[in-house]
Each structure stands twice: as structure tokens, then as C-alpha cells.
Amino acid sequence: MALQFTVWGTAAEVANGPVLNEGVIAIGGASVASAAVIDPTGDNRGRRVRLFAEAACYVTWGEDPTALNDGTGGRMLGAENPEYFDVPADFKIAVIQRT
């Protein structure tokens, strides 16, 4: 199972704008973090990020994030249900399977 993330510059760009970054993180029983959400423009603004999980999980983000499966350290995502968040540029996204 995996968590896919797709990054745009702003909410308005989600429909038509260029994708700035995308990747996949394996969802498992231990917290796994992505590489940094890239800011190719160098302006260090926050980014609109779509998260799409193949399995129920918890996600969080930060400079060195750790997702916790008890729900205290992140947001709950359902399977096959994309969610959109504003994530600061250069933060990493962490995911863990929901038990």
C-alpha cells in the first residue's frame, strides 16, 4: 500500500497549474517520511498538496516528522479518498498505517 503526494504552488493551480513535485511513500507499520516537498521556485512559500492513500493511515508533516498510529501526531486519512492540505515548502511528509 502507498500514499501518493502531488504538489502544486497554489490552490488555484490544482485544476490547471503545473505539478511541482510528486512521489510515493510506502504505508506500513512504522513511520516513513518522504523527501522534502520540493520548492523549485525558491520562494519558500507553502504548497497545496494532495494526499491519496491506498490504505487507512495517519499523516503528518514537518522538518523531521514522525507519524503515530494512535492519532496523536497527525491527521487520519481514509483509503481511496484524496485530501488537500497546505504544507510549508521543504517540509517532509510522514505516514503510518492506521491500526
N, C-alpha and C. Protein backbone atom coordinates (compact mmCIF):
# COMPACT_ATOMS: atom_id res chain seq x y z
N MET A 1 0.84 -1.17 0.00
CA MET A 1 0.00 0.00 0.00
C MET A 1 0.89 1.24 0.00
N ALA A 2 0.35 2.33 -0.55
CA ALA A 2 1.16 3.52 -0.70
C ALA A 2 0.34 4.79 -0.48
N LEU A 3 1.05 5.86 -0.16
CA LEU A 3 0.49 7.21 -0.09
C LEU A 3 1.15 8.00 -1.21
N GLN A 4 0.33 8.53 -2.10
CA GLN A 4 0.86 9.35 -3.18
C GLN A 4 0.67 10.81 -2.79
N PHE A 5 1.70 11.63 -3.04
CA PHE A 5 1.55 13.06 -2.82
C PHE A 5 1.84 13.80 -4.13
N THR A 6 1.05 14.84 -4.38
CA THR A 6 1.20 15.68 -5.56
C THR A 6 1.21 17.13 -5.07
N VAL A 7 2.16 17.93 -5.57
CA VAL A 7 2.38 19.28 -5.07
C VAL A 7 2.15 20.31 -6.17
N TRP A 8 1.33 21.33 -5.82
CA TRP A 8 1.13 22.49 -6.70
C TRP A 8 1.55 23.73 -5.93
N GLY A 9 1.73 24.83 -6.64
CA GLY A 9 2.10 26.08 -5.99
C GLY A 9 0.99 26.68 -5.16
N THR A 10 -0.24 26.69 -5.70
CA THR A 10 -1.37 27.31 -5.01
C THR A 10 -2.62 26.49 -5.24
N ALA A 11 -3.67 26.80 -4.49
CA ALA A 11 -4.95 26.11 -4.67
C ALA A 11 -5.50 26.34 -6.07
N ALA A 12 -5.30 27.53 -6.62
CA ALA A 12 -5.81 27.84 -7.95
C ALA A 12 -5.14 26.99 -9.03
N GLU A 13 -3.92 26.53 -8.80
CA GLU A 13 -3.19 25.75 -9.79
C GLU A 13 -3.56 24.27 -9.79
N VAL A 14 -4.31 23.81 -8.79
CA VAL A 14 -4.65 22.39 -8.70
C VAL A 14 -5.36 21.91 -9.96
N ALA A 15 -6.26 22.72 -10.51
CA ALA A 15 -7.00 22.31 -11.70
C ALA A 15 -6.17 22.38 -12.97
N ASN A 16 -5.38 23.44 -13.13
CA ASN A 16 -4.70 23.66 -14.40
C ASN A 16 -3.20 23.90 -14.29
N GLY A 17 -2.71 24.17 -13.11
CA GLY A 17 -1.31 24.57 -12.96
C GLY A 17 -0.33 23.43 -13.07
N PRO A 18 0.93 23.76 -13.16
CA PRO A 18 1.96 22.73 -13.26
C PRO A 18 2.18 22.00 -11.94
N VAL A 19 2.41 20.71 -12.04
CA VAL A 19 2.77 19.91 -10.86
C VAL A 19 4.22 20.21 -10.54
N LEU A 20 4.50 20.63 -9.30
CA LEU A 20 5.86 20.98 -8.90
C LEU A 20 6.65 19.77 -8.42
N ASN A 21 5.94 18.80 -7.85
CA ASN A 21 6.61 17.63 -7.29
C ASN A 21 5.56 16.56 -7.06
N GLU A 22 5.98 15.31 -7.12
CA GLU A 22 5.10 14.20 -6.75
C GLU A 22 5.96 13.03 -6.33
N GLY A 23 5.35 12.15 -5.55
CA GLY A 23 6.08 10.99 -5.07
C GLY A 23 5.15 10.01 -4.40
N VAL A 24 5.74 8.89 -3.99
CA VAL A 24 5.00 7.81 -3.34
C VAL A 24 5.77 7.40 -2.10
N ILE A 25 5.03 7.18 -1.00
CA ILE A 25 5.61 6.72 0.26
C ILE A 25 4.90 5.42 0.63
N ALA A 26 5.65 4.40 0.98
CA ALA A 26 5.06 3.13 1.40
C ALA A 26 4.35 3.30 2.74
N ILE A 27 3.14 2.74 2.84
CA ILE A 27 2.38 2.76 4.09
C ILE A 27 2.61 1.42 4.79
N GLY A 28 3.11 1.49 6.02
CA GLY A 28 3.36 0.26 6.77
C GLY A 28 3.19 0.49 8.26
N GLY A 29 3.69 -0.45 9.04
CA GLY A 29 3.54 -0.41 10.49
C GLY A 29 4.49 0.52 11.20
N ALA A 30 5.45 1.11 10.48
CA ALA A 30 6.38 2.07 11.05
C ALA A 30 6.30 3.36 10.26
N SER A 31 6.55 4.47 10.92
CA SER A 31 6.51 5.77 10.25
C SER A 31 7.60 5.87 9.20
N VAL A 32 7.21 6.32 8.01
CA VAL A 32 8.15 6.53 6.91
C VAL A 32 7.93 7.94 6.39
N ALA A 33 9.02 8.67 6.14
CA ALA A 33 8.92 10.05 5.67
C ALA A 33 9.40 10.16 4.23
N SER A 34 8.83 11.11 3.53
CA SER A 34 9.22 11.41 2.15
C SER A 34 10.49 12.25 2.16
N ALA A 35 11.00 12.50 0.97
CA ALA A 35 11.99 13.54 0.81
C ALA A 35 11.25 14.86 1.01
N ALA A 36 11.96 15.95 1.09
CA ALA A 36 11.32 17.24 1.29
C ALA A 36 10.39 17.57 0.14
N VAL A 37 9.28 18.23 0.46
CA VAL A 37 8.38 18.74 -0.57
C VAL A 37 9.15 19.85 -1.28
N ILE A 38 9.51 19.60 -2.51
CA ILE A 38 10.42 20.47 -3.24
C ILE A 38 9.80 21.84 -3.50
N ASP A 39 10.62 22.87 -3.41
CA ASP A 39 10.22 24.22 -3.77
C ASP A 39 11.12 24.69 -4.92
N PRO A 40 10.81 24.27 -6.15
CA PRO A 40 11.71 24.59 -7.27
C PRO A 40 11.77 26.07 -7.61
N THR A 41 10.78 26.84 -7.16
CA THR A 41 10.78 28.26 -7.47
C THR A 41 11.70 29.04 -6.54
N GLY A 42 12.04 28.46 -5.40
CA GLY A 42 12.94 29.11 -4.46
C GLY A 42 12.30 30.20 -3.62
N ASP A 43 10.97 30.35 -3.69
CA ASP A 43 10.34 31.42 -2.93
C ASP A 43 9.91 31.00 -1.53
N ASN A 44 10.06 29.71 -1.20
CA ASN A 44 9.78 29.18 0.14
C ASN A 44 8.36 29.40 0.63
N ARG A 45 7.42 29.49 -0.28
CA ARG A 45 6.01 29.60 0.12
C ARG A 45 5.47 28.23 0.48
N GLY A 46 4.32 28.24 1.13
CA GLY A 46 3.63 26.98 1.37
C GLY A 46 3.13 26.42 0.05
N ARG A 47 2.81 25.16 0.02
CA ARG A 47 2.39 24.47 -1.19
C ARG A 47 1.08 23.75 -0.96
N ARG A 48 0.23 23.66 -1.99
CA ARG A 48 -1.00 22.88 -1.92
C ARG A 48 -0.63 21.45 -2.28
N VAL A 49 -0.91 20.52 -1.38
CA VAL A 49 -0.52 19.12 -1.54
C VAL A 49 -1.75 18.23 -1.49
N ARG A 50 -1.88 17.35 -2.50
CA ARG A 50 -2.93 16.34 -2.47
C ARG A 50 -2.32 15.05 -1.96
N LEU A 51 -2.97 14.44 -0.97
CA LEU A 51 -2.54 13.15 -0.44
C LEU A 51 -3.60 12.13 -0.81
N PHE A 52 -3.17 11.03 -1.43
CA PHE A 52 -4.07 9.96 -1.82
C PHE A 52 -3.52 8.65 -1.27
N ALA A 53 -4.25 8.07 -0.32
CA ALA A 53 -3.79 6.86 0.36
C ALA A 53 -4.53 5.63 -0.17
N GLU A 54 -3.80 4.56 -0.38
CA GLU A 54 -4.41 3.28 -0.76
C GLU A 54 -4.94 2.52 0.44
N ALA A 55 -4.52 2.93 1.65
CA ALA A 55 -4.96 2.27 2.88
C ALA A 55 -5.20 3.33 3.95
N ALA A 56 -6.02 3.00 4.93
CA ALA A 56 -6.26 3.92 6.04
C ALA A 56 -4.95 4.19 6.77
N CYS A 57 -4.68 5.47 7.05
CA CYS A 57 -3.39 5.82 7.64
C CYS A 57 -3.48 7.13 8.39
N TYR A 58 -2.38 7.48 9.07
CA TYR A 58 -2.20 8.79 9.67
C TYR A 58 -1.04 9.45 8.95
N VAL A 59 -1.15 10.75 8.69
CA VAL A 59 -0.07 11.50 8.07
C VAL A 59 0.22 12.75 8.89
N THR A 60 1.43 13.21 8.79
CA THR A 60 1.85 14.46 9.40
C THR A 60 2.97 15.02 8.56
N TRP A 61 3.38 16.24 8.82
CA TRP A 61 4.49 16.83 8.08
C TRP A 61 5.26 17.77 8.99
N GLY A 62 6.49 18.01 8.62
CA GLY A 62 7.37 18.88 9.40
C GLY A 62 8.79 18.75 8.87
N GLU A 63 9.73 19.34 9.58
CA GLU A 63 11.13 19.26 9.16
C GLU A 63 11.68 17.85 9.33
N ASP A 64 11.24 17.16 10.38
CA ASP A 64 11.66 15.77 10.63
C ASP A 64 10.48 15.04 11.26
N PRO A 65 9.40 14.79 10.49
CA PRO A 65 8.16 14.30 11.07
C PRO A 65 8.17 12.80 11.38
N THR A 66 7.38 12.43 12.38
CA THR A 66 7.11 11.03 12.70
C THR A 66 5.61 10.87 12.85
N ALA A 67 5.01 10.03 12.04
CA ALA A 67 3.58 9.75 12.14
C ALA A 67 3.36 8.69 13.21
N LEU A 68 2.31 8.87 14.01
CA LEU A 68 1.99 7.93 15.08
C LEU A 68 0.65 7.27 14.78
N ASN A 69 0.55 5.96 15.02
CA ASN A 69 -0.69 5.24 14.67
C ASN A 69 -1.76 5.32 15.75
N ASP A 70 -1.58 6.17 16.75
CA ASP A 70 -2.64 6.37 17.74
C ASP A 70 -3.40 7.67 17.49
N GLY A 71 -3.02 8.38 16.43
CA GLY A 71 -3.74 9.59 16.06
C GLY A 71 -3.30 10.85 16.76
N THR A 72 -2.32 10.77 17.65
CA THR A 72 -1.89 11.96 18.39
C THR A 72 -0.90 12.81 17.61
N GLY A 73 -0.32 12.28 16.55
CA GLY A 73 0.71 13.03 15.84
C GLY A 73 0.41 13.22 14.38
N GLY A 74 -0.84 13.40 14.01
CA GLY A 74 -1.13 13.59 12.60
C GLY A 74 -2.61 13.60 12.28
N ARG A 75 -2.88 13.53 11.01
CA ARG A 75 -4.26 13.55 10.52
C ARG A 75 -4.65 12.19 9.98
N MET A 76 -5.87 11.78 10.26
CA MET A 76 -6.37 10.50 9.80
C MET A 76 -6.82 10.63 8.35
N LEU A 77 -6.38 9.71 7.49
CA LEU A 77 -6.83 9.65 6.10
C LEU A 77 -7.51 8.32 5.87
N GLY A 78 -8.59 8.35 5.12
CA GLY A 78 -9.26 7.12 4.71
C GLY A 78 -8.68 6.63 3.39
N ALA A 79 -8.87 5.37 3.10
CA ALA A 79 -8.37 4.79 1.86
C ALA A 79 -9.16 5.32 0.67
N GLU A 80 -8.45 5.54 -0.43
CA GLU A 80 -9.06 5.92 -1.71
C GLU A 80 -9.87 7.22 -1.63
N ASN A 81 -9.45 8.14 -0.78
CA ASN A 81 -10.17 9.40 -0.60
C ASN A 81 -9.15 10.54 -0.57
N PRO A 82 -8.91 11.22 -1.68
CA PRO A 82 -7.89 12.27 -1.70
C PRO A 82 -8.23 13.43 -0.77
N GLU A 83 -7.21 13.97 -0.14
CA GLU A 83 -7.34 15.12 0.75
C GLU A 83 -6.31 16.16 0.32
N TYR A 84 -6.63 17.44 0.52
CA TYR A 84 -5.73 18.53 0.15
C TYR A 84 -5.33 19.31 1.40
N PHE A 85 -4.04 19.64 1.48
CA PHE A 85 -3.51 20.39 2.62
C PHE A 85 -2.51 21.41 2.13
N ASP A 86 -2.32 22.47 2.90
CA ASP A 86 -1.24 23.42 2.65
C ASP A 86 -0.07 22.99 3.52
N VAL A 87 1.05 22.70 2.88
CA VAL A 87 2.24 22.22 3.56
C VAL A 87 3.36 23.21 3.29
N PRO A 88 4.08 23.66 4.31
CA PRO A 88 5.19 24.58 4.08
C PRO A 88 6.25 23.96 3.16
N ALA A 89 6.81 24.80 2.34
CA ALA A 89 7.87 24.36 1.42
C ALA A 89 9.01 23.73 2.21
N ASP A 90 9.59 22.70 1.66
CA ASP A 90 10.74 21.99 2.20
C ASP A 90 10.44 21.13 3.42
N PHE A 91 9.15 20.98 3.81
CA PHE A 91 8.80 20.03 4.85
C PHE A 91 8.72 18.64 4.24
N LYS A 92 8.84 17.62 5.09
CA LYS A 92 8.67 16.23 4.68
C LYS A 92 7.30 15.76 5.13
N ILE A 93 6.78 14.73 4.46
CA ILE A 93 5.50 14.13 4.81
C ILE A 93 5.77 12.74 5.35
N ALA A 94 5.20 12.41 6.51
CA ALA A 94 5.37 11.09 7.12
C ALA A 94 4.03 10.38 7.19
N VAL A 95 4.06 9.06 7.05
CA VAL A 95 2.83 8.26 7.05
C VAL A 95 3.04 6.96 7.84
N ILE A 96 1.96 6.50 8.47
CA ILE A 96 1.96 5.20 9.15
C ILE A 96 0.58 4.59 8.97
N GLN A 97 0.54 3.28 8.88
CA GLN A 97 -0.74 2.58 8.71
C GLN A 97 -1.60 2.73 9.95
N ARG A 98 -2.89 2.90 9.74
CA ARG A 98 -3.83 3.00 10.85
C ARG A 98 -4.19 1.60 11.31
N THR A 99 -4.12 1.37 12.62
CA THR A 99 -4.44 0.04 13.16
C THR A 99 -5.75 0.06 13.91
